Amino acid sequence: MIRKEIEKIEETEKREVDKEGLFVTVGPGEDGMTARGVLRRAKGVSQRLIRRIANGAGGKDGALYINETPALFRDRVKEGDGIRLCFPDESSWIEPQDIPLAVLYEDDDLLLIDKPPGLVVHPTKGHSDGTLANAIVYHMNERGESYRPRFISRLDMGTSGVLLIGKNSHAQDNLAKQGAAGGVEKIYTAVLEGRIEDVLPRSGVIDLPVGLVRQGEPRRGVMPESEGGYPSRTAYEVSDTPAPNLTVVRVRLITGRTHQIRVHFAHFGCPVLGDSLYGQSSPLIARQALHASKISFAHPSDGRAMRFEAPLPADITWLLKAAMLPAEERGLAE
């Protein structure tokens, strides 16, 4: 036990030394600018983050280095200088819990998870613990890190798939700007009840406002903007018809309203299979058959193209196979 604790402390200390933060090399057009100006221009670092680090005591409060020497944001730089910004450590109020995580990717700025169905993302009144956030805080502590998980994307409890988490405010701000400009692409796979081709083209964009039906309740619906609806656009393409009464669609979110995919397809009489809120439960699956398949974006620190994919989970894979069998072989009544 003591040896394990020593190893954990040593790993924490190593990560403090190795922590890279945000790095930029001063270009020819930035010669003579302040470090603050270069960081704002080249990386879009927010004034809020700069002020926070400038007012801190260094170390875990964040720090600025020019050519690996402690520096001030007002210091002037020259072409070829290296500027490194280390982000402040943060603590989370969320209780750590040892819940398994399927990590798709992780670095100093990002964490990508393949979320299983049935797991709530963040503590709420009805789910104070046992959430994905509790699992992430435990994972963070085990790695000797200290940050506040920032959910760039969110998934309903019954939805599975790729989930993007930022580890610092710069990652959060940068990805939020990318999202607003259409730079974060989110692709979903949905299994729908019925044949969507009977009411809509095989591919297209559903452009209908979505809003809260009644205050204090989770249900959303299609409604005019004058009545509280928000502009909502869902691009879709039929990818398979495994049975006469089921349609598999590939969905790309153009906007990201709560329950948007579920509301849009239910509006046309083809709710997501198993969605008891907007349709009905199904003997084929114990939750809505909706999976966040892919996400792509530019890395918030260096602009690299990032793309991640989560394979279809076992329950959706099973239902697609079962849907192609005769009813008697599935043990279902027509």
C-alpha atoms as a PDB file:
ATOM      1  CA  MET A   1       0.000   0.000   0.000  1.00  0.00           C
ATOM      2  CA  ILE A   2       2.793   2.452   0.969  1.00  0.00           C
ATOM      3  CA  ARG A   3       4.775   1.607  -2.184  1.00  0.00           C
ATOM      4  CA  LYS A   4       1.701   2.244  -4.328  1.00  0.00           C
ATOM      5  CA  GLU A   5       1.196   5.672  -2.714  1.00  0.00           C
ATOM      6  CA  ILE A   6       4.878   6.541  -3.291  1.00  0.00           C
ATOM      7  CA  GLU A   7       4.584   5.557  -6.955  1.00  0.00           C
ATOM      8  CA  LYS A   8       1.447   7.696  -7.268  1.00  0.00           C
ATOM      9  CA  ILE A   9       3.245  10.731  -5.769  1.00  0.00           C
ATOM     10  CA  GLU A  10       6.224  10.211  -8.082  1.00  0.00           C
ATOM     11  CA  GLU A  11       3.917  10.006 -11.104  1.00  0.00           C
ATOM     12  CA  THR A  12       2.194  13.234 -10.025  1.00  0.00           C
ATOM     13  CA  GLU A  13       5.547  15.015  -9.686  1.00  0.00           C
ATOM     14  CA  LYS A  14       6.641  13.720 -13.093  1.00  0.00           C
ATOM     15  CA  ARG A  15       3.476  15.052 -14.717  1.00  0.00           C
ATOM     16  CA  GLU A  16       4.082  18.471 -13.144  1.00  0.00           C
ATOM     17  CA  VAL A  17       7.518  18.545 -14.777  1.00  0.00           C
ATOM     18  CA  ASP A  18       6.322  17.182 -18.134  1.00  0.00           C
ATOM     19  CA  LYS A  19       3.202  19.341 -18.366  1.00  0.00           C
ATOM     20  CA  GLU A  20       3.574  21.196 -21.665  1.00  0.00           C
ATOM     21  CA  GLY A  21       0.619  23.540 -21.744  1.00  0.00           C
ATOM     22  CA  LEU A  22       0.122  25.736 -24.812  1.00  0.00           C
ATOM     23  CA  PHE A  23       3.186  26.419 -26.977  1.00  0.00           C
ATOM     24  CA  VAL A  24       3.681  28.907 -29.822  1.00  0.00           C
ATOM     25  CA  THR A  25       6.754  29.988 -31.785  1.00  0.00           C
ATOM     26  CA  VAL A  26       6.851  33.723 -32.543  1.00  0.00           C
ATOM     27  CA  GLY A  27       6.549  34.330 -36.277  1.00  0.00           C
ATOM     28  CA  PRO A  28       8.034  37.122 -38.414  1.00  0.00           C
ATOM     29  CA  GLY A  29       4.839  39.148 -38.310  1.00  0.00           C
ATOM     30  CA  GLU A  30       4.796  39.025 -34.502  1.00  0.00           C
ATOM     31  CA  ASP A  31       8.302  40.364 -33.833  1.00  0.00           C
ATOM     32  CA  GLY A  32       8.146  43.071 -31.155  1.00  0.00           C
ATOM     33  CA  MET A  33       4.664  42.152 -29.935  1.00  0.00           C
ATOM     34  CA  THR A  34       3.911  41.363 -26.306  1.00  0.00           C
ATOM     35  CA  ALA A  35       3.558  37.748 -25.241  1.00  0.00           C
ATOM     36  CA  ARG A  36      -0.086  38.552 -24.477  1.00  0.00           C
ATOM     37  CA  GLY A  37      -0.624  39.822 -28.019  1.00  0.00           C
ATOM     38  CA  VAL A  38       0.948  36.747 -29.621  1.00  0.00           C
ATOM     39  CA  LEU A  39      -1.105  34.349 -27.494  1.00  0.00           C
ATOM     40  CA  ARG A  40      -4.299  36.237 -28.318  1.00  0.00           C
ATOM     41  CA  ARG A  41      -3.508  36.418 -32.031  1.00  0.00           C
ATOM     42  CA  ALA A  42      -2.019  32.985 -32.649  1.00  0.00           C
ATOM     43  CA  LYS A  43      -4.034  30.838 -30.238  1.00  0.00           C
ATOM     44  CA  GLY A  44      -7.080  32.886 -29.304  1.00  0.00           C
ATOM     45  CA  VAL A  45      -6.269  32.725 -25.581  1.00  0.00           C
ATOM     46  CA  SER A  46      -8.977  34.597 -23.679  1.00  0.00           C
ATOM     47  CA  GLN A  47      -8.304  37.764 -21.670  1.00  0.00           C
ATOM     48  CA  ARG A  48     -10.000  36.070 -18.730  1.00  0.00           C
ATOM     49  CA  LEU A  49      -7.475  33.225 -18.685  1.00  0.00           C
ATOM     50  CA  ILE A  50      -4.556  35.627 -19.132  1.00  0.00           C
ATOM     51  CA  ARG A  51      -5.741  37.746 -16.192  1.00  0.00           C
ATOM     52  CA  ARG A  52      -6.191  34.680 -14.030  1.00  0.00           C
ATOM     53  CA  ILE A  53      -2.646  33.455 -14.654  1.00  0.00           C
ATOM     54  CA  ALA A  54      -1.160  36.948 -14.387  1.00  0.00           C
ATOM     55  CA  ASN A  55      -2.780  37.451 -10.983  1.00  0.00           C
ATOM     56  CA  GLY A  56      -1.725  34.032  -9.696  1.00  0.00           C
ATOM     57  CA  ALA A  57       1.394  32.969  -7.836  1.00  0.00           C
ATOM     58  CA  GLY A  58       2.765  30.738 -10.588  1.00  0.00           C
ATOM     59  CA  GLY A  59       3.112  26.964 -10.382  1.00  0.00           C
ATOM     60  CA  LYS A  60      -0.321  25.424  -9.904  1.00  0.00           C
ATOM     61  CA  ASP A  61      -1.901  28.846 -10.582  1.00  0.00           C
ATOM     62  CA  GLY A  62      -0.567  28.707 -14.132  1.00  0.00           C
ATOM     63  CA  ALA A  63       2.569  30.328 -15.542  1.00  0.00           C
ATOM     64  CA  LEU A  64       4.083  31.960 -18.620  1.00  0.00           C
ATOM     65  CA  TYR A  65       7.515  31.127 -20.032  1.00  0.00           C
ATOM     66  CA  ILE A  66       9.491  32.707 -22.860  1.00  0.00           C
ATOM     67  CA  ASN A  67      12.279  30.410 -24.040  1.00  0.00           C
ATOM     68  CA  GLU A  68      11.640  28.362 -20.858  1.00  0.00           C
ATOM     69  CA  THR A  69      12.326  31.384 -18.619  1.00  0.00           C
ATOM     70  CA  PRO A  70       9.530  32.737 -16.364  1.00  0.00           C
ATOM     71  CA  ALA A  71       8.063  35.832 -17.993  1.00  0.00           C
ATOM     72  CA  LEU A  72       5.310  38.424 -17.864  1.00  0.00           C
ATOM     73  CA  PHE A  73       2.512  38.832 -20.380  1.00  0.00           C
ATOM     74  CA  ARG A  74       3.665  42.386 -21.141  1.00  0.00           C
ATOM     75  CA  ASP A  75       7.177  41.225 -22.098  1.00  0.00           C
ATOM     76  CA  ARG A  76       8.129  41.833 -25.732  1.00  0.00           C
ATOM     77  CA  VAL A  77       9.136  38.877 -27.895  1.00  0.00           C
ATOM     78  CA  LYS A  78      11.146  38.471 -31.071  1.00  0.00           C
ATOM     79  CA  GLU A  79      10.863  36.161 -34.042  1.00  0.00           C
ATOM     80  CA  GLY A  80      11.822  32.603 -33.150  1.00  0.00           C
ATOM     81  CA  ASP A  81      11.080  32.946 -29.432  1.00  0.00           C
ATOM     82  CA  GLY A  82       9.116  30.105 -27.859  1.00  0.00           C
ATOM     83  CA  ILE A  83       6.158  31.040 -25.639  1.00  0.00           C
ATOM     84  CA  ARG A  84       4.733  28.410 -23.310  1.00  0.00           C
ATOM     85  CA  LEU A  85       1.566  28.927 -21.290  1.00  0.00           C
ATOM     86  CA  CYS A  86       0.869  26.462 -18.464  1.00  0.00           C
ATOM     87  CA  PHE A  87      -2.753  26.292 -17.379  1.00  0.00           C
ATOM     88  CA  PRO A  88      -3.864  26.538 -13.734  1.00  0.00           C
ATOM     89  CA  ASP A  89      -4.669  23.362 -11.828  1.00  0.00           C
ATOM     90  CA  GLU A  90      -8.300  23.151 -10.771  1.00  0.00           C
ATOM     91  CA  SER A  91     -10.236  21.097  -8.281  1.00  0.00           C
ATOM     92  CA  SER A  92     -13.637  19.506  -8.787  1.00  0.00           C
ATOM     93  CA  TRP A  93     -16.446  19.319  -6.239  1.00  0.00           C
ATOM     94  CA  ILE A  94     -17.596  16.020  -7.760  1.00  0.00           C
ATOM     95  CA  GLU A  95     -17.003  12.891  -5.691  1.00  0.00           C
ATOM     96  CA  PRO A  96     -14.544  10.472  -7.352  1.00  0.00           C
ATOM     97  CA  GLN A  97     -15.972   7.001  -7.979  1.00  0.00           C
ATOM     98  CA  ASP A  98     -14.251   3.970  -9.468  1.00  0.00           C
ATOM     99  CA  ILE A  99     -16.475   3.444 -12.512  1.00  0.00           C
ATOM    100  CA  PRO A 100     -14.915   1.907 -15.653  1.00  0.00           C
ATOM    101  CA  LEU A 101     -14.129   4.335 -18.484  1.00  0.00           C
ATOM    102  CA  ALA A 102     -13.572   3.500 -22.147  1.00  0.00           C
ATOM    103  CA  VAL A 103     -10.988   6.150 -23.050  1.00  0.00           C
ATOM    104  CA  LEU A 104     -10.658   6.784 -26.787  1.00  0.00           C
ATOM    105  CA  TYR A 105      -7.984   9.489 -26.499  1.00  0.00           C
ATOM    106  CA  GLU A 106      -6.380  11.689 -23.858  1.00  0.00           C
ATOM    107  CA  ASP A 107      -3.767  14.441 -23.633  1.00  0.00           C
ATOM    108  CA  ASP A 108      -3.188  17.550 -21.498  1.00  0.00           C
ATOM    109  CA  ASP A 109      -6.156  19.357 -23.087  1.00  0.00           C
ATOM    110  CA  LEU A 110      -8.698  16.722 -24.044  1.00  0.00           C
ATOM    111  CA  LEU A 111     -10.388  13.534 -22.932  1.00  0.00           C
ATOM    112  CA  LEU A 112     -12.601  11.510 -25.265  1.00  0.00           C
ATOM    113  CA  ILE A 113     -14.813   8.780 -23.850  1.00  0.00           C
ATOM    114  CA  ASP A 114     -16.939   6.068 -25.425  1.00  0.00           C
ATOM    115  CA  LYS A 115     -19.952   6.477 -23.136  1.00  0.00           C
ATOM    116  CA  PRO A 116     -22.043   3.359 -22.459  1.00  0.00           C
ATOM    117  CA  PRO A 117     -25.852   3.613 -22.463  1.00  0.00           C
ATOM    118  CA  GLY A 118     -27.542   4.041 -19.093  1.00  0.00           C
ATOM    119  CA  LEU A 119     -24.866   6.302 -17.607  1.00  0.00           C
ATOM    120  CA  VAL A 120     -25.801   9.877 -16.666  1.00  0.00           C
ATOM    121  CA  VAL A 121     -23.166  12.401 -17.754  1.00  0.00           C
ATOM    122  CA  HIS A 122     -23.246  14.814 -14.800  1.00  0.00           C
ATOM    123  CA  PRO A 123     -24.734  14.753 -11.276  1.00  0.00           C
ATOM    124  CA  THR A 124     -28.315  16.015 -11.145  1.00  0.00           C
ATOM    125  CA  LYS A 125     -31.073  16.101  -8.538  1.00  0.00           C
ATOM    126  CA  GLY A 126     -32.194  12.629  -9.529  1.00  0.00           C
ATOM    127  CA  HIS A 127     -28.667  11.226  -9.981  1.00  0.00           C
ATOM    128  CA  SER A 128     -26.337  12.652  -7.333  1.00  0.00           C
ATOM    129  CA  ASP A 129     -23.590  10.107  -7.997  1.00  0.00           C
ATOM    130  CA  GLY A 130     -22.698   7.134 -10.180  1.00  0.00           C
ATOM    131  CA  THR A 131     -22.281   9.454 -13.174  1.00  0.00           C
ATOM    132  CA  LEU A 132     -19.685   9.773 -15.900  1.00  0.00           C
ATOM    133  CA  ALA A 133     -18.357  12.886 -14.161  1.00  0.00           C
ATOM    134  CA  ASN A 134     -17.718  10.870 -10.981  1.00  0.00           C
ATOM    135  CA  ALA A 135     -15.781   8.346 -13.075  1.00  0.00           C
ATOM    136  CA  ILE A 136     -13.722  11.074 -14.774  1.00  0.00           C
ATOM    137  CA  VAL A 137     -12.723  12.670 -11.455  1.00  0.00           C
ATOM    138  CA  TYR A 138     -11.548   9.263 -10.193  1.00  0.00           C
ATOM    139  CA  HIS A 139      -9.618   8.724 -13.429  1.00  0.00           C
ATOM    140  CA  MET A 140      -8.108  12.216 -13.094  1.00  0.00           C
ATOM    141  CA  ASN A 141      -6.942  11.555  -9.530  1.00  0.00           C
ATOM    142  CA  GLU A 142      -5.393   8.239 -10.526  1.00  0.00           C
ATOM    143  CA  ARG A 143      -3.353  10.063 -13.181  1.00  0.00           C
ATOM    144  CA  GLY A 144      -2.218  12.718 -10.711  1.00  0.00           C
ATOM    145  CA  GLU A 145      -4.043  15.470 -12.569  1.00  0.00           C
ATOM    146  CA  SER A 146      -6.201  18.304 -11.269  1.00  0.00           C
ATOM    147  CA  TYR A 147      -8.831  19.892 -13.508  1.00  0.00           C
ATOM    148  CA  ARG A 148     -12.541  20.550 -13.755  1.00  0.00           C
ATOM    149  CA  PRO A 149     -14.151  18.355 -16.443  1.00  0.00           C
ATOM    150  CA  ARG A 150     -15.774  20.536 -19.092  1.00  0.00           C
ATOM    151  CA  PHE A 151     -18.295  18.649 -21.219  1.00  0.00           C
ATOM    152  CA  ILE A 152     -17.986  20.029 -24.732  1.00  0.00           C
ATOM    153  CA  SER A 153     -20.680  17.614 -25.898  1.00  0.00           C
ATOM    154  CA  ARG A 154     -23.415  15.999 -23.838  1.00  0.00           C
ATOM    155  CA  LEU A 155     -25.372  12.817 -24.329  1.00  0.00           C
ATOM    156  CA  ASP A 156     -28.660  11.747 -22.764  1.00  0.00           C
ATOM    157  CA  MET A 157     -28.528   8.890 -20.267  1.00  0.00           C
ATOM    158  CA  GLY A 158     -29.886   6.434 -22.835  1.00  0.00           C
ATOM    159  CA  THR A 159     -27.588   7.555 -25.649  1.00  0.00           C
ATOM    160  CA  SER A 160     -24.186   5.922 -26.160  1.00  0.00           C
ATOM    161  CA  GLY A 161     -21.027   6.954 -27.992  1.00  0.00           C
ATOM    162  CA  VAL A 162     -18.288   9.546 -28.318  1.00  0.00           C
ATOM    163  CA  LEU A 163     -18.171  12.262 -25.682  1.00  0.00           C
ATOM    164  CA  LEU A 164     -15.668  15.154 -25.741  1.00  0.00           C
ATOM    165  CA  ILE A 165     -14.357  16.700 -22.509  1.00  0.00           C
ATOM    166  CA  GLY A 166     -12.060  19.717 -22.190  1.00  0.00           C
ATOM    167  CA  LYS A 167      -9.497  19.791 -19.387  1.00  0.00           C
ATOM    168  CA  ASN A 168      -8.959  23.555 -19.245  1.00  0.00           C
ATOM    169  CA  SER A 169     -10.751  26.803 -20.053  1.00  0.00           C
ATOM    170  CA  HIS A 170      -8.753  27.419 -23.229  1.00  0.00           C
ATOM    171  CA  ALA A 171      -9.805  24.062 -24.686  1.00  0.00           C
ATOM    172  CA  GLN A 172     -13.407  24.801 -23.719  1.00  0.00           C
ATOM    173  CA  ASP A 173     -13.402  28.305 -25.233  1.00  0.00           C
ATOM    174  CA  ASN A 174     -11.667  27.198 -28.420  1.00  0.00           C
ATOM    175  CA  LEU A 175     -13.978  24.250 -29.027  1.00  0.00           C
ATOM    176  CA  ALA A 176     -17.041  26.379 -28.247  1.00  0.00           C
ATOM    177  CA  LYS A 177     -15.937  28.835 -30.957  1.00  0.00           C
ATOM    178  CA  GLN A 178     -15.339  25.969 -33.370  1.00  0.00           C
ATOM    179  CA  GLY A 179     -18.782  24.608 -32.592  1.00  0.00           C
ATOM    180  CA  ALA A 180     -20.452  27.981 -33.188  1.00  0.00           C
ATOM    181  CA  ALA A 181     -18.661  28.248 -36.543  1.00  0.00           C
ATOM    182  CA  GLY A 182     -19.605  24.701 -37.579  1.00  0.00           C
ATOM    183  CA  GLY A 183     -16.089  23.354 -37.044  1.00  0.00           C
ATOM    184  CA  VAL A 184     -17.101  20.504 -34.698  1.00  0.00           C
ATOM    185  CA  GLU A 185     -18.794  17.717 -36.660  1.00  0.00           C
ATOM    186  CA  LYS A 186     -20.929  15.227 -34.736  1.00  0.00           C
ATOM    187  CA  ILE A 187     -22.240  12.137 -36.488  1.00  0.00           C
ATOM    188  CA  TYR A 188     -24.890   9.860 -34.948  1.00  0.00           C
ATOM    189  CA  THR A 189     -26.389   6.523 -35.897  1.00  0.00           C
ATOM    190  CA  ALA A 190     -30.107   6.178 -35.144  1.00  0.00           C
ATOM    191  CA  VAL A 191     -32.512   3.303 -35.627  1.00  0.00           C
ATOM    192  CA  LEU A 192     -36.001   4.646 -36.330  1.00  0.00           C
ATOM    193  CA  GLU A 193     -39.428   3.077 -36.097  1.00  0.00           C
ATOM    194  CA  GLY A 194     -41.143   2.914 -39.476  1.00  0.00           C
ATOM    195  CA  ARG A 195     -39.908   3.991 -42.911  1.00  0.00           C
ATOM    196  CA  ILE A 196     -38.713   7.594 -42.913  1.00  0.00           C
ATOM    197  CA  GLU A 197     -38.624   7.398 -46.757  1.00  0.00           C
ATOM    198  CA  ASP A 198     -42.425   7.307 -46.738  1.00  0.00           C
ATOM    199  CA  VAL A 199     -42.578  10.856 -45.390  1.00  0.00           C
ATOM    200  CA  LEU A 200     -39.172  12.398 -46.241  1.00  0.00           C
ATOM    201  CA  PRO A 201     -36.515  12.033 -48.956  1.00  0.00           C
ATOM    202  CA  ARG A 202     -33.734   9.470 -48.372  1.00  0.00           C
ATOM    203  CA  SER A 203     -31.428  12.327 -47.425  1.00  0.00           C
ATOM    204  CA  GLY A 204     -31.908  15.953 -46.522  1.00  0.00           C
ATOM    205  CA  VAL A 205     -32.053  18.499 -43.705  1.00  0.00           C
ATOM    206  CA  ILE A 206     -34.865  18.775 -41.175  1.00  0.00           C
ATOM    207  CA  ASP A 207     -35.135  22.491 -40.388  1.00  0.00           C
ATOM    208  CA  LEU A 208     -37.733  22.900 -37.652  1.00  0.00           C
ATOM    209  CA  PRO A 209     -37.528  24.921 -34.395  1.00  0.00           C
ATOM    210  CA  VAL A 210     -37.445  22.903 -31.172  1.00  0.00           C
ATOM    211  CA  GLY A 211     -38.489  24.139 -27.755  1.00  0.00           C
ATOM    212  CA  LEU A 212     -39.600  23.081 -24.287  1.00  0.00           C
ATOM    213  CA  VAL A 213     -43.204  21.883 -24.260  1.00  0.00           C
ATOM    214  CA  ARG A 214     -43.820  22.669 -20.590  1.00  0.00           C
ATOM    215  CA  GLN A 215     -41.601  24.242 -17.921  1.00  0.00           C
ATOM    216  CA  GLY A 216     -40.263  21.765 -15.399  1.00  0.00           C
ATOM    217  CA  GLU A 217     -40.671  18.766 -17.723  1.00  0.00           C
ATOM    218  CA  PRO A 218     -38.039  17.178 -19.990  1.00  0.00           C
ATOM    219  CA  ARG A 219     -40.165  16.809 -23.117  1.00  0.00           C
ATOM    220  CA  ARG A 220     -39.366  19.012 -26.121  1.00  0.00           C
ATOM    221  CA  GLY A 221     -41.346  19.515 -29.294  1.00  0.00           C
ATOM    222  CA  VAL A 222     -41.411  21.242 -32.667  1.00  0.00           C
ATOM    223  CA  MET A 223     -42.860  24.729 -32.229  1.00  0.00           C
ATOM    224  CA  PRO A 224     -42.624  28.160 -33.885  1.00  0.00           C
ATOM    225  CA  GLU A 225     -39.862  30.467 -32.704  1.00  0.00           C
ATOM    226  CA  SER A 226     -42.603  32.914 -31.685  1.00  0.00           C
ATOM    227  CA  GLU A 227     -43.769  30.306 -29.138  1.00  0.00           C
ATOM    228  CA  GLY A 228     -40.330  29.518 -27.704  1.00  0.00           C
ATOM    229  CA  GLY A 229     -38.784  27.275 -30.343  1.00  0.00           C
ATOM    230  CA  TYR A 230     -35.082  27.592 -31.164  1.00  0.00           C
ATOM    231  CA  PRO A 231     -33.687  27.201 -34.699  1.00  0.00           C
ATOM    232  CA  SER A 232     -32.771  23.508 -35.084  1.00  0.00           C
ATOM    233  CA  ARG A 233     -31.283  21.749 -38.116  1.00  0.00           C
ATOM    234  CA  THR A 234     -30.603  18.028 -38.495  1.00  0.00           C
ATOM    235  CA  ALA A 235     -28.940  16.578 -41.609  1.00  0.00           C
ATOM    236  CA  TYR A 236     -29.698  12.908 -42.237  1.00  0.00           C
ATOM    237  CA  GLU A 237     -29.193  10.106 -44.733  1.00  0.00           C
ATOM    238  CA  VAL A 238     -30.842   6.677 -44.831  1.00  0.00           C
ATOM    239  CA  SER A 239     -28.091   4.068 -44.591  1.00  0.00           C
ATOM    240  CA  ASP A 240     -30.068   0.821 -44.210  1.00  0.00           C
ATOM    241  CA  THR A 241     -33.533  -0.684 -43.929  1.00  0.00           C
ATOM    242  CA  PRO A 242     -32.975  -3.905 -41.940  1.00  0.00           C
ATOM    243  CA  ALA A 243     -36.688  -4.659 -41.691  1.00  0.00           C
ATOM    244  CA  PRO A 244     -39.897  -3.312 -43.271  1.00  0.00           C
ATOM    245  CA  ASN A 245     -40.688  -1.309 -40.132  1.00  0.00           C
ATOM    246  CA  LEU A 246     -37.183  -0.023 -39.248  1.00  0.00           C
ATOM    247  CA  THR A 247     -34.823   2.544 -40.769  1.00  0.00           C
ATOM    248  CA  VAL A 248     -31.176   3.165 -39.920  1.00  0.00           C
ATOM    249  CA  VAL A 249     -30.098   6.759 -40.504  1.00  0.00           C
ATOM    250  CA  ARG A 250     -26.770   8.558 -40.372  1.00  0.00           C
ATOM    251  CA  VAL A 251     -27.353  11.910 -38.697  1.00  0.00           C
ATOM    252  CA  ARG A 252     -25.209  15.047 -38.607  1.00  0.00           C
ATOM    253  CA  LEU A 253     -26.121  17.740 -36.119  1.00  0.00           C
ATOM    254  CA  ILE A 254     -25.979  21.236 -37.587  1.00  0.00           C
ATOM    255  CA  THR A 255     -27.361  22.704 -34.373  1.00  0.00           C
ATOM    256  CA  GLY A 256     -27.319  20.946 -31.027  1.00  0.00           C
ATOM    257  CA  ARG A 257     -30.576  21.469 -29.157  1.00  0.00           C
ATOM    258  CA  THR A 258     -31.570  19.154 -26.313  1.00  0.00           C
ATOM    259  CA  HIS A 259     -33.263  15.995 -27.699  1.00  0.00           C
ATOM    260  CA  GLN A 260     -33.041  17.493 -31.215  1.00  0.00           C
ATOM    261  CA  ILE A 261     -32.617  14.215 -33.125  1.00  0.00           C
ATOM    262  CA  ARG A 262     -35.308  12.472 -31.096  1.00  0.00           C
ATOM    263  CA  VAL A 263     -37.792  15.340 -31.516  1.00  0.00           C
ATOM    264  CA  HIS A 264     -37.222  15.857 -35.243  1.00  0.00           C
ATOM    265  CA  PHE A 265     -37.782  12.242 -36.263  1.00  0.00           C
ATOM    266  CA  ALA A 266     -40.694  11.736 -33.856  1.00  0.00           C
ATOM    267  CA  HIS A 267     -42.350  14.775 -35.434  1.00  0.00           C
ATOM    268  CA  PHE A 268     -42.560  12.834 -38.720  1.00  0.00           C
ATOM    269  CA  GLY A 269     -43.975   9.729 -37.049  1.00  0.00           C
ATOM    270  CA  CYS A 270     -40.662   7.839 -36.998  1.00  0.00           C
ATOM    271  CA  PRO A 271     -39.341   8.117 -33.429  1.00  0.00           C
ATOM    272  CA  VAL A 272     -36.038   6.586 -32.426  1.00  0.00           C
ATOM    273  CA  LEU A 273     -36.644   2.932 -31.602  1.00  0.00           C
ATOM    274  CA  GLY A 274     -37.089   2.344 -27.857  1.00  0.00           C
ATOM    275  CA  ASP A 275     -37.562   6.044 -27.072  1.00  0.00           C
ATOM    276  CA  SER A 276     -40.318   5.953 -24.459  1.00  0.00           C
ATOM    277  CA  LEU A 277     -40.388   9.774 -24.155  1.00  0.00           C
ATOM    278  CA  TYR A 278     -41.159  10.508 -27.807  1.00  0.00           C
ATOM    279  CA  GLY A 279     -42.396   7.123 -28.985  1.00  0.00           C
ATOM    280  CA  GLN A 280     -42.724   3.838 -27.175  1.00  0.00           C
ATOM    281  CA  SER A 281     -40.533   1.206 -25.527  1.00  0.00           C
ATOM    282  CA  SER A 282     -39.363  -1.743 -27.618  1.00  0.00           C
ATOM    283  CA  PRO A 283     -38.705  -5.427 -26.878  1.00  0.00           C
ATOM    284  CA  LEU A 284     -35.632  -5.137 -29.125  1.00  0.00           C
ATOM    285  CA  ILE A 285     -33.720  -2.649 -26.992  1.00  0.00           C
ATOM    286  CA  ALA A 286     -34.012  -1.277 -23.455  1.00  0.00           C
ATOM    287  CA  ARG A 287     -33.249   2.362 -24.370  1.00  0.00           C
ATOM    288  CA  GLN A 288     -33.415   4.697 -27.362  1.00  0.00           C
ATOM    289  CA  ALA A 289     -31.370   3.273 -30.253  1.00  0.00           C
ATOM    290  CA  LEU A 290     -29.202   6.355 -30.662  1.00  0.00           C
ATOM    291  CA  HIS A 291     -25.403   6.303 -30.789  1.00  0.00           C
ATOM    292  CA  ALA A 292     -22.864   9.139 -31.176  1.00  0.00           C
ATOM    293  CA  SER A 293     -20.656   7.455 -33.785  1.00  0.00           C
ATOM    294  CA  LYS A 294     -18.052  10.058 -34.744  1.00  0.00           C
ATOM    295  CA  ILE A 295     -16.715  13.469 -33.837  1.00  0.00           C
ATOM    296  CA  SER A 296     -14.160  15.623 -35.628  1.00  0.00           C
ATOM    297  CA  PHE A 297     -12.623  18.996 -34.764  1.00  0.00           C
ATOM    298  CA  ALA A 298      -9.326  20.903 -34.717  1.00  0.00           C
ATOM    299  CA  HIS A 299      -7.114  20.408 -31.658  1.00  0.00           C
ATOM    300  CA  PRO A 300      -7.482  23.533 -29.483  1.00  0.00           C
ATOM    301  CA  SER A 301      -3.720  23.851 -28.902  1.00  0.00           C
ATOM    302  CA  ASP A 302      -2.119  23.225 -32.288  1.00  0.00           C
ATOM    303  CA  GLY A 303      -4.933  22.998 -34.828  1.00  0.00           C
ATOM    304  CA  ARG A 304      -4.356  19.331 -35.730  1.00  0.00           C
ATOM    305  CA  ALA A 305      -7.315  17.610 -37.381  1.00  0.00           C
ATOM    306  CA  MET A 306      -8.803  15.222 -34.807  1.00  0.00           C
ATOM    307  CA  ARG A 307     -11.314  12.509 -35.614  1.00  0.00           C
ATOM    308  CA  PHE A 308     -12.650   9.800 -33.319  1.00  0.00           C
ATOM    309  CA  GLU A 309     -15.135   6.989 -33.751  1.00  0.00           C
ATOM    310  CA  ALA A 310     -16.992   4.715 -31.338  1.00  0.00           C
ATOM    311  CA  PRO A 311     -18.220   1.378 -32.729  1.00  0.00           C
ATOM    312  CA  LEU A 312     -21.868   0.452 -32.398  1.00  0.00           C
ATOM    313  CA  PRO A 313     -22.522  -1.029 -28.930  1.00  0.00           C
ATOM    314  CA  ALA A 314     -23.668  -4.600 -28.464  1.00  0.00           C
ATOM    315  CA  ASP A 315     -27.353  -3.811 -27.939  1.00  0.00           C
ATOM    316  CA  ILE A 316     -27.752  -1.891 -31.209  1.00  0.00           C
ATOM    317  CA  THR A 317     -25.689  -4.476 -33.111  1.00  0.00           C
ATOM    318  CA  TRP A 318     -27.923  -7.217 -31.704  1.00  0.00           C
ATOM    319  CA  LEU A 319     -31.186  -5.464 -32.525  1.00  0.00           C
ATOM    320  CA  LEU A 320     -30.118  -4.898 -36.141  1.00  0.00           C
ATOM    321  CA  LYS A 321     -29.429  -8.617 -36.500  1.00  0.00           C
ATOM    322  CA  ALA A 322     -32.618  -9.571 -34.654  1.00  0.00           C
ATOM    323  CA  ALA A 323     -34.719  -7.214 -36.781  1.00  0.00           C
ATOM    324  CA  MET A 324     -33.860  -9.222 -39.900  1.00  0.00           C
ATOM    325  CA  LEU A 325     -35.145 -12.491 -38.398  1.00  0.00           C
ATOM    326  CA  PRO A 326     -38.738 -13.713 -38.729  1.00  0.00           C
ATOM    327  CA  ALA A 327     -40.922 -12.742 -35.769  1.00  0.00           C
ATOM    328  CA  GLU A 328     -41.206 -16.326 -34.494  1.00  0.00           C
ATOM    329  CA  GLU A 329     -37.402 -16.613 -34.323  1.00  0.00           C
ATOM    330  CA  ARG A 330     -37.189 -13.405 -32.342  1.00  0.00           C
ATOM    331  CA  GLY A 331     -39.923 -14.583 -29.997  1.00  0.00           C
ATOM    332  CA  LEU A 332     -41.975 -11.513 -30.908  1.00  0.00           C
ATOM    333  CA  ALA A 333     -45.498 -11.121 -32.095  1.00  0.00           C
ATOM    334  CA  GLU A 334     -46.178  -9.115 -35.232  1.00  0.00           C
END
